[in-house]
Amino acid sequence: PYQDAMANLMTRLDSLNNDYRRKYKNYPIHHMQERIKKKESIEEKLRRKGCRVSAEEARENLTDIAGIRIICYFEEDIYHVLERIKRQTDILILQEKDYIRQEKENGYRSLHIIVGIPVYHIDGMDYYPVEIQMRTMAMDLWASMEHRVCYKKLPEHRDELAEAFCQYADILGKIEEQFEAYNETGMLEEITPA
C-alpha cells in the first residue's frame, strides 16, 4: 500500500508540473526521486524507537516508509508546489517542517511534509503516510554532499567539516539568490565572493 500511495502522489505531482507547463510555459519541478524504505531499515528504526518489529508497529510508528524528494528550481517554486498539494481535498497534511525559513544549525535547508494519501482497497480506503522533502537544486547539492562526506563516513575532523559545510551552505544560498534575481529580471547581478 505504501507503493500505491507513493505512485498516487507521483501521478498527481506529474500532472501538476504538466499543468504549469501548459499554462505558464514553465514548470516548478526540475525532477523527483522516490523510494520505499528497505525492510532492514524499517526493522532497525523500529528497534531504535523501542517498538516491536511488525507490520502493525511500522504502520503505527513510522511515517517515512514511502518518500518522495521534489527538486525545484527556486524557493518560490517549493512554496507554489506546497500550496497546490494543500489544495487537494483528499490529501491530509500530517506534519510540516520548514527548514528553509528556519534552517538547521548545520546549514541544512529543505521543506518536509508528511501527507496522508488515500489508498483504495477492495473493502474500503485507508490513508498511508508519504514523506515529501522539497528542495532547490542548490539545497539538494549541499544535502547530498554533506550526507556523503560528513554523515555517512563519521570523519575524524567532524568539527572542521561542519564549519566548512556551513560556509558552503551560505555560498550556495547567495548563488541561488543571484540565479533567482536573474530569473525575475533577466539581469545577473555581480556576485561578490564570501
Protein backbone atom coordinates (compact mmCIF):
# COMPACT_ATOMS: atom_id res chain seq x y z
CA PRO A 1 0.00 0.00 0.00
CA TYR A 2 2.92 2.40 0.54
CA GLN A 3 3.96 1.83 -3.07
CA ASP A 4 0.37 2.58 -4.14
CA ALA A 5 0.29 5.76 -2.04
CA MET A 6 3.59 6.93 -3.49
CA ALA A 7 2.50 6.14 -7.08
CA ASN A 8 -0.74 8.06 -6.50
CA LEU A 9 1.19 11.10 -5.26
CA MET A 10 3.79 10.92 -8.06
CA THR A 11 0.97 10.94 -10.65
CA ARG A 12 -0.56 14.00 -9.02
CA LEU A 13 2.78 15.82 -8.94
CA ASP A 14 3.48 14.98 -12.60
CA SER A 15 0.02 16.33 -13.51
CA LEU A 16 0.68 19.49 -11.52
CA ASN A 17 4.01 20.06 -13.26
CA ASN A 18 2.46 19.42 -16.70
CA ASP A 19 -0.39 21.84 -15.92
CA TYR A 20 2.16 24.53 -15.03
CA ARG A 21 3.97 23.86 -18.31
CA ARG A 22 0.73 24.23 -20.32
CA LYS A 23 -0.44 27.39 -18.52
CA TYR A 24 2.82 29.24 -17.93
CA LYS A 25 5.27 27.68 -20.42
CA ASN A 26 7.38 26.91 -17.40
CA TYR A 27 7.36 24.42 -14.56
CA PRO A 28 8.44 24.42 -10.91
CA ILE A 29 9.70 20.83 -10.55
CA HIS A 30 13.11 20.01 -12.01
CA HIS A 31 12.90 16.33 -11.06
CA MET A 32 11.64 13.92 -8.43
CA GLN A 33 13.08 10.89 -6.67
CA GLU A 34 11.09 8.25 -4.87
CA ARG A 35 11.95 5.43 -2.54
CA ILE A 36 10.42 2.81 -0.29
CA LYS A 37 12.45 2.15 2.85
CA LYS A 38 14.10 -1.26 2.83
CA LYS A 39 12.84 -3.92 5.22
CA GLU A 40 16.12 -3.89 7.18
CA SER A 41 15.93 -0.09 7.61
CA ILE A 42 12.33 -0.32 8.82
CA GLU A 43 13.26 -3.00 11.36
CA GLU A 44 16.29 -1.05 12.56
CA LYS A 45 14.25 2.14 13.02
CA LEU A 46 11.54 0.28 14.94
CA ARG A 47 14.18 -1.17 17.29
CA ARG A 48 15.71 2.29 17.80
CA LYS A 49 12.27 3.60 18.76
CA GLY A 50 11.78 0.70 21.20
CA CYS A 51 8.96 -0.87 19.16
CA ARG A 52 8.29 -4.48 18.28
CA VAL A 53 9.27 -5.41 14.73
CA SER A 54 5.96 -5.95 12.95
CA ALA A 55 3.91 -4.50 10.10
CA GLU A 56 1.40 -3.11 12.60
CA GLU A 57 4.09 -1.34 14.62
CA ALA A 58 5.61 0.07 11.42
CA ARG A 59 2.22 1.40 10.31
CA GLU A 60 1.56 3.00 13.70
CA ASN A 61 5.04 4.42 14.37
CA LEU A 62 6.77 5.23 11.07
CA THR A 63 5.81 7.99 8.66
CA ASP A 64 8.76 7.73 6.28
CA ILE A 65 8.37 4.25 4.79
CA ALA A 66 7.45 5.90 1.50
CA GLY A 67 9.32 9.02 0.48
CA ILE A 68 9.48 11.47 -2.40
CA ARG A 69 12.08 14.17 -2.90
CA ILE A 70 10.98 17.05 -5.11
CA ILE A 71 13.79 19.15 -6.56
CA CYS A 72 12.63 22.59 -7.70
CA TYR A 73 14.44 25.42 -9.45
CA PHE A 74 13.77 28.18 -6.93
CA GLU A 75 12.48 28.59 -3.37
CA GLU A 76 9.26 30.19 -4.60
CA ASP A 77 8.61 27.05 -6.67
CA ILE A 78 8.71 24.96 -3.50
CA TYR A 79 6.02 27.08 -1.88
CA HIS A 80 3.87 27.00 -5.05
CA VAL A 81 4.03 23.20 -5.09
CA LEU A 82 3.29 23.05 -1.35
CA GLU A 83 0.22 25.27 -1.80
CA ARG A 84 -1.06 23.07 -4.66
CA ILE A 85 -0.61 19.93 -2.57
CA LYS A 86 -2.54 21.54 0.29
CA ARG A 87 -5.42 22.37 -2.06
CA GLN A 88 -6.08 18.71 -2.82
CA THR A 89 -9.01 17.97 -0.55
CA ASP A 90 -8.41 14.23 -0.17
CA ILE A 91 -4.80 14.62 0.98
CA LEU A 92 -4.17 15.02 4.71
CA ILE A 93 -1.28 17.20 5.87
CA LEU A 94 0.02 15.28 8.88
CA GLN A 95 3.18 17.28 9.61
CA GLU A 96 5.11 20.21 8.16
CA LYS A 97 8.66 21.35 8.96
CA ASP A 98 10.12 24.32 7.14
CA TYR A 99 13.92 24.15 7.27
CA ILE A 100 14.16 26.78 4.53
CA ARG A 101 12.80 29.71 6.51
CA GLN A 102 14.28 28.23 9.71
CA GLU A 103 17.39 26.37 8.55
CA LYS A 104 19.11 23.83 10.77
CA GLU A 105 22.27 24.81 12.62
CA ASN A 106 24.47 22.83 10.24
CA GLY A 107 23.15 24.75 7.19
CA TYR A 108 20.61 22.14 6.05
CA ARG A 109 17.69 23.66 4.16
CA SER A 110 14.62 21.80 2.93
CA LEU A 111 10.86 21.74 3.40
CA HIS A 112 9.49 18.48 4.82
CA ILE A 113 5.86 17.47 4.90
CA ILE A 114 4.19 14.20 5.69
CA VAL A 115 0.96 13.67 3.85
CA GLY A 116 -1.74 11.04 4.18
CA ILE A 117 -2.59 9.62 0.75
CA PRO A 118 -5.81 7.66 0.19
CA VAL A 119 -5.30 4.08 -0.98
CA TYR A 120 -8.42 2.22 -2.07
CA HIS A 121 -8.79 -1.50 -1.36
CA ILE A 122 -11.49 -3.98 -2.29
CA ASP A 123 -13.11 -3.47 1.10
CA GLY A 124 -12.55 0.24 1.64
CA MET A 125 -9.96 3.02 1.84
CA ASP A 126 -7.07 3.77 4.20
CA TYR A 127 -4.64 6.66 4.35
CA TYR A 128 -0.91 5.90 4.17
CA PRO A 129 1.80 8.42 5.00
CA VAL A 130 4.30 9.61 2.42
CA GLU A 131 7.17 11.87 3.45
CA ILE A 132 7.91 14.66 0.97
CA GLN A 133 11.16 16.62 1.02
CA MET A 134 11.23 19.70 -1.20
CA ARG A 135 14.50 21.41 -2.08
CA THR A 136 16.05 23.58 -4.72
CA MET A 137 18.88 22.14 -6.80
CA ALA A 138 21.44 24.05 -4.69
CA MET A 139 19.91 22.77 -1.44
CA ASP A 140 19.97 19.24 -2.81
CA LEU A 141 23.62 19.53 -3.86
CA TRP A 142 24.56 20.68 -0.35
CA ALA A 143 22.47 18.00 1.41
CA SER A 144 23.76 15.21 -0.83
CA MET A 145 27.40 16.17 -0.33
CA GLU A 146 27.00 16.72 3.42
CA HIS A 147 25.34 13.32 3.75
CA ARG A 148 28.10 11.60 1.80
CA VAL A 149 31.10 13.42 3.26
CA CYS A 150 30.04 14.15 6.85
CA TYR A 151 27.16 11.94 7.88
CA LYS A 152 27.96 8.55 6.40
CA LYS A 153 31.70 8.37 6.98
CA LEU A 154 31.97 9.76 10.53
CA PRO A 155 35.22 11.60 9.68
CA GLU A 156 37.92 12.41 12.21
CA HIS A 157 37.71 16.15 11.54
CA ARG A 158 33.95 16.43 12.01
CA ASP A 159 34.02 19.93 13.59
CA GLU A 160 36.16 21.40 10.80
CA LEU A 161 33.95 19.80 8.17
CA ALA A 162 30.79 21.05 9.87
CA GLU A 163 32.14 24.60 9.85
CA ALA A 164 33.16 24.30 6.20
CA PHE A 165 29.74 22.94 5.23
CA CYS A 166 28.02 25.86 6.98
CA GLN A 167 30.11 28.19 4.83
CA TYR A 168 29.22 26.19 1.71
CA ALA A 169 25.53 26.49 2.59
CA ASP A 170 25.92 30.29 2.76
CA ILE A 171 27.80 30.42 -0.54
CA LEU A 172 25.23 28.24 -2.31
CA GLY A 173 22.42 30.34 -0.82
CA LYS A 174 23.98 33.53 -2.24
CA ILE A 175 24.48 31.93 -5.65
CA GLU A 176 20.88 30.75 -5.60
CA GLU A 177 19.67 34.28 -4.78
CA GLN A 178 21.60 35.57 -7.78
CA PHE A 179 20.03 32.98 -10.07
CA GLU A 180 16.60 33.87 -8.72
CA ALA A 181 17.21 37.59 -9.32
CA TYR A 182 18.34 36.77 -12.85
CA ASN A 183 15.24 34.65 -13.38
CA GLU A 184 12.99 37.53 -12.28
CA THR A 185 14.73 40.43 -14.00
CA GLY A 186 16.73 38.85 -16.81
CA MET A 187 19.85 40.60 -15.49
CA LEU A 188 22.56 38.93 -13.45
CA GLU A 189 23.81 40.99 -10.52
CA GLU A 190 27.51 40.89 -9.73
CA ILE A 191 28.37 38.03 -7.38
CA THR A 192 30.68 39.04 -4.57
CA PRO A 193 32.67 36.21 -3.01
CA ALA A 194 32.10 35.41 0.66
